[in-house]
Amino acid sequence: MRARLFFLFIISSFASVVIASDSKVQEILSSAKAPSGVVFEIAGSDPVALKWAIPRIKKYVVRLREKFPKMELAVVTHGREQFALQKSNSSEYKKVHDEVKLLAGADVPVHICQTFAGWSGVDPEDFPDYVSVSATGPQQVSDYLELGYTLIKISAH
């Protein structure tokens, strides 16, 4: 019974994230004019969050670029989930790494937070070349916002 309740809680939390980010993307798609750009922010304590967040973002990128082909897009991940992008995790998180490579190849940079990585003993060199290492994730998000980007938060909260 407890396992079932926990599972329902997780599913409902995920559903609320999807609904919130889906509605924000739909709002942008309903606009006649594209924003300067969109930055997707992922920050949490779930180490496997990129397994569901990156595919979701990839779908958003496709939809946004269909309507606004030149729209600038970026991803910033700065919670425990960012460690899935370490070189040493490329086998365990193969699909995530493959999708991040595709995003990078489509001019959608995926940033991680060097400060948080450093606190955990992880060096910039521990991430592959297709991942952009930013000094801090929150500052990277702020930099995009200063450029006029619209923020879409992807989280389990």
N, C-alpha and C. Protein backbone atom coordinates (compact mmCIF):
# COMPACT_ATOMS: atom_id res chain seq x y z
N MET A 1 0.82 -1.20 0.00
CA MET A 1 0.00 0.00 0.00
C MET A 1 0.86 1.26 0.00
N ARG A 2 1.90 1.29 0.84
CA ARG A 2 2.79 2.46 0.89
C ARG A 2 3.49 2.66 -0.44
N ALA A 3 3.92 1.56 -1.05
CA ALA A 3 4.59 1.65 -2.34
C ALA A 3 3.65 2.24 -3.39
N ARG A 4 2.39 1.83 -3.36
CA ARG A 4 1.41 2.34 -4.32
C ARG A 4 1.20 3.84 -4.12
N LEU A 5 1.08 4.30 -2.86
CA LEU A 5 0.91 5.72 -2.58
C LEU A 5 2.13 6.52 -3.02
N PHE A 6 3.31 5.98 -2.75
CA PHE A 6 4.53 6.65 -3.18
C PHE A 6 4.57 6.78 -4.70
N PHE A 7 4.23 5.70 -5.39
CA PHE A 7 4.21 5.70 -6.86
C PHE A 7 3.22 6.74 -7.38
N LEU A 8 2.03 6.81 -6.78
CA LEU A 8 1.03 7.80 -7.20
C LEU A 8 1.51 9.21 -6.95
N PHE A 9 2.22 9.43 -5.83
CA PHE A 9 2.77 10.74 -5.54
C PHE A 9 3.78 11.14 -6.61
N ILE A 10 4.67 10.22 -6.97
CA ILE A 10 5.69 10.50 -7.98
C ILE A 10 5.04 10.82 -9.32
N ILE A 11 4.06 10.02 -9.72
CA ILE A 11 3.37 10.24 -10.99
C ILE A 11 2.65 11.59 -10.98
N SER A 12 1.97 11.93 -9.90
CA SER A 12 1.26 13.21 -9.85
C SER A 12 2.23 14.38 -9.85
N SER A 13 3.38 14.24 -9.19
CA SER A 13 4.39 15.29 -9.21
C SER A 13 4.91 15.49 -10.61
N PHE A 14 5.21 14.40 -11.30
CA PHE A 14 5.70 14.48 -12.68
C PHE A 14 4.65 15.11 -13.57
N ALA A 15 3.40 14.72 -13.39
CA ALA A 15 2.32 15.26 -14.23
C ALA A 15 2.20 16.76 -14.05
N SER A 16 2.35 17.26 -12.82
CA SER A 16 2.25 18.71 -12.61
C SER A 16 3.41 19.45 -13.27
N VAL A 17 4.58 18.85 -13.30
CA VAL A 17 5.72 19.46 -14.00
C VAL A 17 5.44 19.52 -15.49
N VAL A 18 4.98 18.42 -16.04
CA VAL A 18 4.71 18.36 -17.47
C VAL A 18 3.63 19.37 -17.84
N ILE A 19 2.57 19.46 -17.03
CA ILE A 19 1.50 20.41 -17.33
C ILE A 19 2.03 21.83 -17.28
N ALA A 20 2.81 22.18 -16.26
CA ALA A 20 3.34 23.54 -16.13
C ALA A 20 4.25 23.89 -17.30
N SER A 21 5.19 23.01 -17.63
CA SER A 21 6.10 23.32 -18.73
C SER A 21 5.39 23.24 -20.07
N ASP A 22 4.44 22.30 -20.23
CA ASP A 22 3.66 22.22 -21.46
C ASP A 22 2.89 23.51 -21.70
N SER A 23 2.27 24.04 -20.64
CA SER A 23 1.47 25.26 -20.81
C SER A 23 2.35 26.45 -21.16
N LYS A 24 3.55 26.50 -20.60
CA LYS A 24 4.47 27.61 -20.92
C LYS A 24 4.92 27.52 -22.38
N VAL A 25 5.23 26.32 -22.84
CA VAL A 25 5.61 26.14 -24.24
C VAL A 25 4.43 26.49 -25.14
N GLN A 26 3.24 26.06 -24.78
CA GLN A 26 2.05 26.37 -25.58
C GLN A 26 1.80 27.87 -25.64
N GLU A 27 2.04 28.54 -24.53
CA GLU A 27 1.89 30.01 -24.49
C GLU A 27 2.84 30.66 -25.50
N ILE A 28 4.07 30.19 -25.55
CA ILE A 28 5.04 30.73 -26.51
C ILE A 28 4.60 30.42 -27.94
N LEU A 29 4.15 29.20 -28.17
CA LEU A 29 3.72 28.80 -29.51
C LEU A 29 2.48 29.57 -29.96
N SER A 30 1.68 30.05 -29.02
CA SER A 30 0.48 30.81 -29.35
C SER A 30 0.80 32.26 -29.68
N SER A 31 1.99 32.68 -29.37
CA SER A 31 2.40 34.06 -29.63
C SER A 31 2.71 34.25 -31.10
N ALA A 32 2.46 35.45 -31.58
CA ALA A 32 2.79 35.77 -32.97
C ALA A 32 4.29 35.98 -33.14
N LYS A 33 4.93 36.43 -32.07
CA LYS A 33 6.36 36.74 -32.12
C LYS A 33 7.11 35.89 -31.09
N ALA A 34 8.25 35.40 -31.49
CA ALA A 34 9.08 34.59 -30.60
C ALA A 34 9.76 35.47 -29.56
N PRO A 35 9.96 34.94 -28.35
CA PRO A 35 10.80 35.67 -27.40
C PRO A 35 12.25 35.65 -27.90
N SER A 36 13.09 36.40 -27.24
CA SER A 36 14.51 36.43 -27.63
C SER A 36 15.12 35.04 -27.60
N GLY A 37 14.60 34.21 -26.72
CA GLY A 37 15.08 32.85 -26.58
C GLY A 37 14.35 32.18 -25.43
N VAL A 38 14.65 30.91 -25.23
CA VAL A 38 14.08 30.15 -24.12
C VAL A 38 15.22 29.42 -23.44
N VAL A 39 15.25 29.49 -22.12
CA VAL A 39 16.20 28.72 -21.34
C VAL A 39 15.41 27.76 -20.46
N PHE A 40 15.75 26.48 -20.56
CA PHE A 40 15.14 25.45 -19.74
C PHE A 40 16.06 25.23 -18.55
N GLU A 41 15.50 25.34 -17.35
CA GLU A 41 16.29 25.17 -16.13
C GLU A 41 15.87 23.90 -15.41
N ILE A 42 16.87 23.06 -15.10
CA ILE A 42 16.65 21.84 -14.34
C ILE A 42 17.54 21.93 -13.10
N ALA A 43 16.94 21.84 -11.94
CA ALA A 43 17.72 21.88 -10.70
C ALA A 43 16.96 21.13 -9.62
N GLY A 44 17.52 20.04 -9.16
CA GLY A 44 16.84 19.28 -8.14
C GLY A 44 17.74 18.29 -7.46
N SER A 45 17.12 17.44 -6.68
CA SER A 45 17.89 16.46 -5.92
C SER A 45 17.76 15.05 -6.50
N ASP A 46 17.00 14.91 -7.58
CA ASP A 46 16.79 13.59 -8.19
C ASP A 46 17.94 13.30 -9.16
N PRO A 47 18.82 12.36 -8.83
CA PRO A 47 19.98 12.10 -9.68
C PRO A 47 19.63 11.54 -11.06
N VAL A 48 18.42 11.03 -11.24
CA VAL A 48 18.05 10.46 -12.54
C VAL A 48 17.07 11.35 -13.31
N ALA A 49 16.88 12.58 -12.87
CA ALA A 49 15.89 13.48 -13.49
C ALA A 49 16.14 13.72 -14.97
N LEU A 50 17.38 13.67 -15.41
CA LEU A 50 17.65 13.93 -16.83
C LEU A 50 17.06 12.84 -17.72
N LYS A 51 16.79 11.66 -17.15
CA LYS A 51 16.20 10.58 -17.95
C LYS A 51 14.82 10.97 -18.47
N TRP A 52 14.09 11.78 -17.72
CA TRP A 52 12.78 12.23 -18.22
C TRP A 52 12.82 13.68 -18.67
N ALA A 53 13.70 14.49 -18.10
CA ALA A 53 13.72 15.93 -18.43
C ALA A 53 14.29 16.19 -19.82
N ILE A 54 15.38 15.54 -20.17
CA ILE A 54 16.00 15.80 -21.49
C ILE A 54 15.09 15.38 -22.64
N PRO A 55 14.46 14.19 -22.61
CA PRO A 55 13.52 13.88 -23.69
C PRO A 55 12.36 14.88 -23.79
N ARG A 56 11.88 15.36 -22.64
CA ARG A 56 10.80 16.35 -22.63
C ARG A 56 11.29 17.63 -23.30
N ILE A 57 12.48 18.09 -22.92
CA ILE A 57 13.05 19.30 -23.50
C ILE A 57 13.27 19.12 -25.00
N LYS A 58 13.74 17.96 -25.39
CA LYS A 58 13.96 17.70 -26.81
C LYS A 58 12.66 17.86 -27.60
N LYS A 59 11.55 17.38 -27.06
CA LYS A 59 10.24 17.55 -27.71
C LYS A 59 9.86 19.02 -27.79
N TYR A 60 10.13 19.76 -26.72
CA TYR A 60 9.84 21.19 -26.73
C TYR A 60 10.66 21.91 -27.79
N VAL A 61 11.93 21.54 -27.89
CA VAL A 61 12.82 22.17 -28.88
C VAL A 61 12.26 21.96 -30.29
N VAL A 62 11.84 20.74 -30.58
CA VAL A 62 11.28 20.44 -31.91
C VAL A 62 10.05 21.32 -32.17
N ARG A 63 9.14 21.37 -31.21
CA ARG A 63 7.92 22.16 -31.40
C ARG A 63 8.21 23.65 -31.54
N LEU A 64 9.10 24.16 -30.70
CA LEU A 64 9.43 25.59 -30.77
C LEU A 64 10.15 25.94 -32.07
N ARG A 65 11.06 25.09 -32.49
CA ARG A 65 11.80 25.37 -33.73
C ARG A 65 10.93 25.18 -34.98
N GLU A 66 9.87 24.38 -34.89
CA GLU A 66 8.96 24.26 -36.02
C GLU A 66 8.30 25.61 -36.31
N LYS A 67 7.89 26.30 -35.26
CA LYS A 67 7.24 27.60 -35.44
C LYS A 67 8.24 28.74 -35.57
N PHE A 68 9.31 28.68 -34.79
CA PHE A 68 10.31 29.75 -34.77
C PHE A 68 11.68 29.14 -35.06
N PRO A 69 12.01 28.87 -36.32
CA PRO A 69 13.23 28.13 -36.67
C PRO A 69 14.54 28.74 -36.15
N LYS A 70 14.58 30.03 -35.97
CA LYS A 70 15.82 30.68 -35.55
C LYS A 70 15.85 30.98 -34.05
N MET A 71 14.86 30.48 -33.33
CA MET A 71 14.79 30.76 -31.89
C MET A 71 16.02 30.21 -31.17
N GLU A 72 16.58 31.03 -30.31
CA GLU A 72 17.71 30.63 -29.47
C GLU A 72 17.17 29.84 -28.28
N LEU A 73 17.79 28.71 -28.01
CA LEU A 73 17.36 27.84 -26.92
C LEU A 73 18.59 27.37 -26.14
N ALA A 74 18.41 27.12 -24.86
CA ALA A 74 19.51 26.63 -24.02
C ALA A 74 18.93 25.82 -22.86
N VAL A 75 19.78 24.98 -22.29
CA VAL A 75 19.42 24.17 -21.13
C VAL A 75 20.47 24.41 -20.06
N VAL A 76 20.02 24.62 -18.83
CA VAL A 76 20.95 24.74 -17.69
C VAL A 76 20.50 23.74 -16.64
N THR A 77 21.39 22.83 -16.29
CA THR A 77 21.12 21.85 -15.24
C THR A 77 22.13 22.08 -14.12
N HIS A 78 21.62 22.28 -12.90
CA HIS A 78 22.55 22.60 -11.82
C HIS A 78 22.18 21.98 -10.48
N GLY A 79 21.58 20.80 -10.55
CA GLY A 79 21.30 20.03 -9.34
C GLY A 79 22.03 18.69 -9.43
N ARG A 80 21.64 17.76 -8.59
CA ARG A 80 22.29 16.44 -8.57
C ARG A 80 22.18 15.73 -9.92
N GLU A 81 21.14 16.05 -10.68
CA GLU A 81 20.94 15.40 -11.98
C GLU A 81 22.08 15.67 -12.95
N GLN A 82 22.80 16.78 -12.79
CA GLN A 82 23.86 17.12 -13.73
C GLN A 82 24.97 16.08 -13.79
N PHE A 83 25.13 15.31 -12.71
CA PHE A 83 26.21 14.32 -12.67
C PHE A 83 25.98 13.15 -13.62
N ALA A 84 24.75 12.98 -14.11
CA ALA A 84 24.48 11.97 -15.13
C ALA A 84 25.26 12.29 -16.40
N LEU A 85 25.65 13.55 -16.57
CA LEU A 85 26.36 13.97 -17.79
C LEU A 85 27.87 13.81 -17.70
N GLN A 86 28.36 13.27 -16.60
CA GLN A 86 29.80 13.01 -16.51
C GLN A 86 30.19 11.93 -17.54
N LYS A 87 31.41 12.02 -18.02
CA LYS A 87 31.93 11.01 -18.95
C LYS A 87 31.79 9.61 -18.35
N SER A 88 32.06 9.50 -17.06
CA SER A 88 32.02 8.18 -16.40
C SER A 88 30.61 7.59 -16.35
N ASN A 89 29.59 8.40 -16.60
CA ASN A 89 28.21 7.93 -16.59
C ASN A 89 27.62 7.79 -17.99
N SER A 90 28.48 7.86 -19.01
CA SER A 90 27.96 7.83 -20.39
C SER A 90 27.35 6.49 -20.77
N SER A 91 27.74 5.40 -20.13
CA SER A 91 27.12 4.10 -20.41
C SER A 91 25.79 3.97 -19.68
N GLU A 92 25.80 4.29 -18.40
CA GLU A 92 24.57 4.17 -17.60
C GLU A 92 23.48 5.11 -18.11
N TYR A 93 23.87 6.27 -18.59
CA TYR A 93 22.92 7.27 -19.08
C TYR A 93 23.12 7.49 -20.58
N LYS A 94 23.30 6.41 -21.31
CA LYS A 94 23.60 6.49 -22.74
C LYS A 94 22.55 7.30 -23.50
N LYS A 95 21.28 7.04 -23.27
CA LYS A 95 20.22 7.76 -23.99
C LYS A 95 20.27 9.25 -23.67
N VAL A 96 20.50 9.60 -22.42
CA VAL A 96 20.61 11.01 -22.04
C VAL A 96 21.78 11.65 -22.77
N HIS A 97 22.93 10.98 -22.76
CA HIS A 97 24.11 11.53 -23.44
C HIS A 97 23.84 11.67 -24.94
N ASP A 98 23.22 10.68 -25.55
CA ASP A 98 22.91 10.76 -26.98
C ASP A 98 22.00 11.94 -27.29
N GLU A 99 20.99 12.15 -26.44
CA GLU A 99 20.06 13.26 -26.67
C GLU A 99 20.72 14.62 -26.41
N VAL A 100 21.61 14.69 -25.43
CA VAL A 100 22.33 15.94 -25.18
C VAL A 100 23.25 16.25 -26.36
N LYS A 101 23.87 15.23 -26.94
CA LYS A 101 24.69 15.44 -28.15
C LYS A 101 23.84 16.00 -29.28
N LEU A 102 22.64 15.46 -29.45
CA LEU A 102 21.73 15.95 -30.49
C LEU A 102 21.34 17.40 -30.23
N LEU A 103 21.04 17.72 -28.98
CA LEU A 103 20.70 19.11 -28.65
C LEU A 103 21.88 20.03 -28.97
N ALA A 104 23.06 19.64 -28.54
CA ALA A 104 24.25 20.46 -28.80
C ALA A 104 24.47 20.63 -30.30
N GLY A 105 24.25 19.57 -31.06
CA GLY A 105 24.39 19.64 -32.51
C GLY A 105 23.34 20.51 -33.17
N ALA A 106 22.23 20.75 -32.48
CA ALA A 106 21.16 21.62 -32.99
C ALA A 106 21.28 23.03 -32.40
N ASP A 107 22.46 23.38 -31.97
CA ASP A 107 22.72 24.70 -31.38
C ASP A 107 21.88 24.99 -30.14
N VAL A 108 21.71 23.97 -29.31
CA VAL A 108 21.05 24.13 -28.02
C VAL A 108 22.08 23.72 -26.96
N PRO A 109 22.83 24.69 -26.44
CA PRO A 109 23.83 24.33 -25.44
C PRO A 109 23.20 23.78 -24.17
N VAL A 110 23.87 22.79 -23.60
CA VAL A 110 23.44 22.21 -22.32
C VAL A 110 24.55 22.51 -21.32
N HIS A 111 24.22 23.35 -20.34
CA HIS A 111 25.18 23.81 -19.34
C HIS A 111 25.04 23.04 -18.04
N ILE A 112 26.16 22.80 -17.38
CA ILE A 112 26.16 22.29 -16.01
C ILE A 112 26.82 23.34 -15.12
N CYS A 113 26.69 23.17 -13.82
CA CYS A 113 27.22 24.12 -12.84
C CYS A 113 28.56 23.63 -12.28
N GLN A 114 29.63 24.32 -12.62
CA GLN A 114 30.95 23.94 -12.14
C GLN A 114 31.07 24.10 -10.63
N THR A 115 30.43 25.10 -10.06
CA THR A 115 30.52 25.30 -8.62
C THR A 115 29.98 24.09 -7.87
N PHE A 116 28.78 23.65 -8.25
CA PHE A 116 28.19 22.49 -7.58
C PHE A 116 29.00 21.24 -7.86
N ALA A 117 29.48 21.11 -9.09
CA ALA A 117 30.32 19.95 -9.43
C ALA A 117 31.58 19.95 -8.56
N GLY A 118 32.21 21.11 -8.43
CA GLY A 118 33.42 21.21 -7.62
C GLY A 118 33.18 20.86 -6.16
N TRP A 119 32.06 21.27 -5.62
CA TRP A 119 31.72 20.91 -4.24
C TRP A 119 31.63 19.41 -4.07
N SER A 120 31.33 18.72 -5.16
CA SER A 120 31.20 17.26 -5.13
C SER A 120 32.46 16.55 -5.61
N GLY A 121 33.55 17.32 -5.81
CA GLY A 121 34.81 16.74 -6.22
C GLY A 121 34.88 16.37 -7.70
N VAL A 122 34.03 16.98 -8.51
CA VAL A 122 33.99 16.69 -9.95
C VAL A 122 34.58 17.88 -10.71
N ASP A 123 35.54 17.60 -11.56
CA ASP A 123 36.24 18.63 -12.34
C ASP A 123 35.57 18.88 -13.68
N PRO A 124 35.79 20.05 -14.28
CA PRO A 124 35.22 20.34 -15.61
C PRO A 124 35.59 19.29 -16.66
N GLU A 125 36.80 18.74 -16.54
CA GLU A 125 37.27 17.74 -17.50
C GLU A 125 36.51 16.41 -17.39
N ASP A 126 35.73 16.26 -16.32
CA ASP A 126 34.94 15.04 -16.13
C ASP A 126 33.67 15.02 -16.98
N PHE A 127 33.42 16.13 -17.67
CA PHE A 127 32.26 16.24 -18.55
C PHE A 127 32.72 16.23 -20.00
N PRO A 128 31.92 15.64 -20.90
CA PRO A 128 32.31 15.58 -22.32
C PRO A 128 32.24 16.95 -22.98
N ASP A 129 32.84 17.05 -24.15
CA ASP A 129 32.90 18.32 -24.88
C ASP A 129 31.54 18.86 -25.28
N TYR A 130 30.56 18.00 -25.43
CA TYR A 130 29.23 18.47 -25.85
C TYR A 130 28.42 19.05 -24.69
N VAL A 131 29.00 19.09 -23.50
CA VAL A 131 28.38 19.72 -22.34
C VAL A 131 29.17 20.98 -22.03
N SER A 132 28.46 22.09 -21.87
CA SER A 132 29.09 23.36 -21.55
C SER A 132 29.20 23.52 -20.04
N VAL A 133 30.39 23.75 -19.56
CA VAL A 133 30.62 23.92 -18.11
C VAL A 133 30.57 25.41 -17.79
N SER A 134 29.56 25.80 -17.01
CA SER A 134 29.39 27.19 -16.61
C SER A 134 29.89 27.36 -15.19
N ALA A 135 30.37 28.55 -14.87
CA ALA A 135 30.88 28.80 -13.53
C ALA A 135 29.82 28.47 -12.48
N THR A 136 28.61 29.01 -12.66
CA THR A 136 27.49 28.66 -11.79
C THR A 136 26.23 28.55 -12.63
N GLY A 137 25.40 27.58 -12.31
CA GLY A 137 24.15 27.39 -13.03
C GLY A 137 23.20 28.56 -12.86
N PRO A 138 22.96 29.02 -11.61
CA PRO A 138 22.04 30.14 -11.44
C PRO A 138 22.49 31.40 -12.19
N GLN A 139 23.80 31.67 -12.21
CA GLN A 139 24.27 32.85 -12.94
C GLN A 139 24.08 32.66 -14.44
N GLN A 140 24.27 31.43 -14.93
CA GLN A 140 24.07 31.17 -16.35
C GLN A 140 22.60 31.43 -16.74
N VAL A 141 21.68 30.99 -15.88
CA VAL A 141 20.26 31.27 -16.12
C VAL A 141 20.03 32.78 -16.13
N SER A 142 20.59 33.49 -15.14
CA SER A 142 20.45 34.95 -15.07
C SER A 142 20.99 35.63 -16.31
N ASP A 143 22.12 35.14 -16.82
CA ASP A 143 22.69 35.71 -18.04
C ASP A 143 21.72 35.58 -19.21
N TYR A 144 21.09 34.42 -19.33
CA TYR A 144 20.10 34.24 -20.40
C TYR A 144 18.90 35.15 -20.20
N LEU A 145 18.45 35.29 -18.96
CA LEU A 145 17.30 36.15 -18.69
C LEU A 145 17.62 37.61 -19.04
N GLU A 146 18.86 38.03 -18.77
CA GLU A 146 19.27 39.39 -19.12
C GLU A 146 19.25 39.61 -20.64
N LEU A 147 19.41 38.54 -21.39
CA LEU A 147 19.34 38.63 -22.85
C LEU A 147 17.90 38.59 -23.36
N GLY A 148 16.94 38.49 -22.44
CA GLY A 148 15.54 38.50 -22.81
C GLY A 148 14.93 37.13 -23.01
N TYR A 149 15.65 36.09 -22.64
CA TYR A 149 15.12 34.73 -22.76
C TYR A 149 13.96 34.53 -21.80
N THR A 150 13.06 33.64 -22.17
CA THR A 150 11.96 33.21 -21.32
C THR A 150 12.42 31.96 -20.57
N LEU A 151 12.14 31.92 -19.28
CA LEU A 151 12.54 30.80 -18.44
C LEU A 151 11.43 29.76 -18.37
N ILE A 152 11.79 28.50 -18.60
CA ILE A 152 10.89 27.39 -18.37
C ILE A 152 11.59 26.45 -17.40
N LYS A 153 11.03 26.35 -16.19
CA LYS A 153 11.63 25.48 -15.17
C LYS A 153 11.10 24.06 -15.34
N ILE A 154 12.02 23.13 -15.30
CA ILE A 154 11.68 21.72 -15.39
C ILE A 154 12.13 21.10 -14.06
N SER A 155 11.16 20.78 -13.20
CA SER A 155 11.53 20.20 -11.90
C SER A 155 10.41 19.31 -11.41
N ALA A 156 10.71 18.56 -10.39
CA ALA A 156 9.73 17.64 -9.81
C ALA A 156 8.99 18.28 -8.65
N HIS A 157 9.11 19.58 -8.49
CA HIS A 157 8.44 20.25 -7.37
C HIS A 157 7.24 21.03 -7.85
